[in-house]
Amino acid sequence: MNESDLEAVKATRLEWKANDDRRDAGLPTNPPEVKRFDDISYGPAGTLNLLDIYEPVDFEGKLPVVVNCHGGGYFYGTKETYQFYGLDWAKRGFAFVNFNYRLAPETPFPGALQDTNAVMQWVSEHADEYNLDLNRVFLVGDSAGGNLVFQFMTTYSNTNYRDWFGFKELKKINILGAAMNCGVYFLSRPGMISGTIDTYFTEDVQKNMHECMTPENYIDATVPPLYVMSANHDFLHDEAVRMDQFLFDANVKHEFKIYGDDEHPREHVFHCNMRDDIARECNDDEQAFFENLM
């Protein structure tokens, strides 16, 4: 990676964090309805392998689980940025697993996917400590995290794709479904890997691990149901449309929705804005989608 790419990553990280901080300014980090378990280590990479769990204070039995794969182009994002989104899921009656993963350019593909797998293995081993119901597990991911969910769900349901990465089968976990929000997909298409994203999918990765980058060649109707959404002004809007058609052709059970209209436009990852009515509508829809699978 050349110096200009590194500077672009640094500048974009600062810009995106400033935007996220403005969006979330003043939101409570410790709402009384939620109990937090913060900074739990799930791997060897220090702060980049930490996770939080947010749970409702009042519940009976074991909790259904939502595991969050954050976005940020594979080079930006932390669990702290997604804490408010996760706290909202806890208020809805779910245990929300919110984790950091290793970022580009320091860690190229498949580092984020390996860390996602490590989190899922950790969940399977520590469920009893946190009242997690391993028979009711879901994944959510936005932007690059949507692609990460697409990849992981394919490793979960397809042995051949899982074997590319040397992952063990998750025998204790029953993933019932997943939501892919404002995601980027089909990276083998010409021109898809450019700019800062090529700090993760490097030239070496594209040359030597091309097949690993194509979950679309392995996913089939055995994958759990998927919720695919975007927004009318999302710069990745067309990616969701392509995914909807692809899943339809592959006979994969899924729901597809575009949020916002000309009078109420919405942009990329709008659903993370906890003050937004259409974000609440979207998250209500995804909650209903998950509950219908339980």
Foldseek 3Di string as FASTA:
>chain_A
DDPVLVVVLVVVQVVVVVVLCVLCPPPDLCDPQKDKDWFCALDDPPQQRGKMKIAGPDDDAAFAEEEEQEDDLQAYDALVSLSVVQNVVRSVGHIYIGHGWDGPLVAAPPRSLVSVLSVLVVCLVCVVVPRHDQQQYEYEYFAQGLLSCLLNLLLQQFVVLVVVVPGDHPPRHHYQEYERELYAADCVPPPNDDRNSCSHCPPCNCVPVVVNRHSLVRDAQRGHEYEYEYEPAEPSVVRSVVVVVSCVVRVHHYHYYYDDDPVGGDYGPSLSNPVDPRVVVVVVVVVVVSVVSD
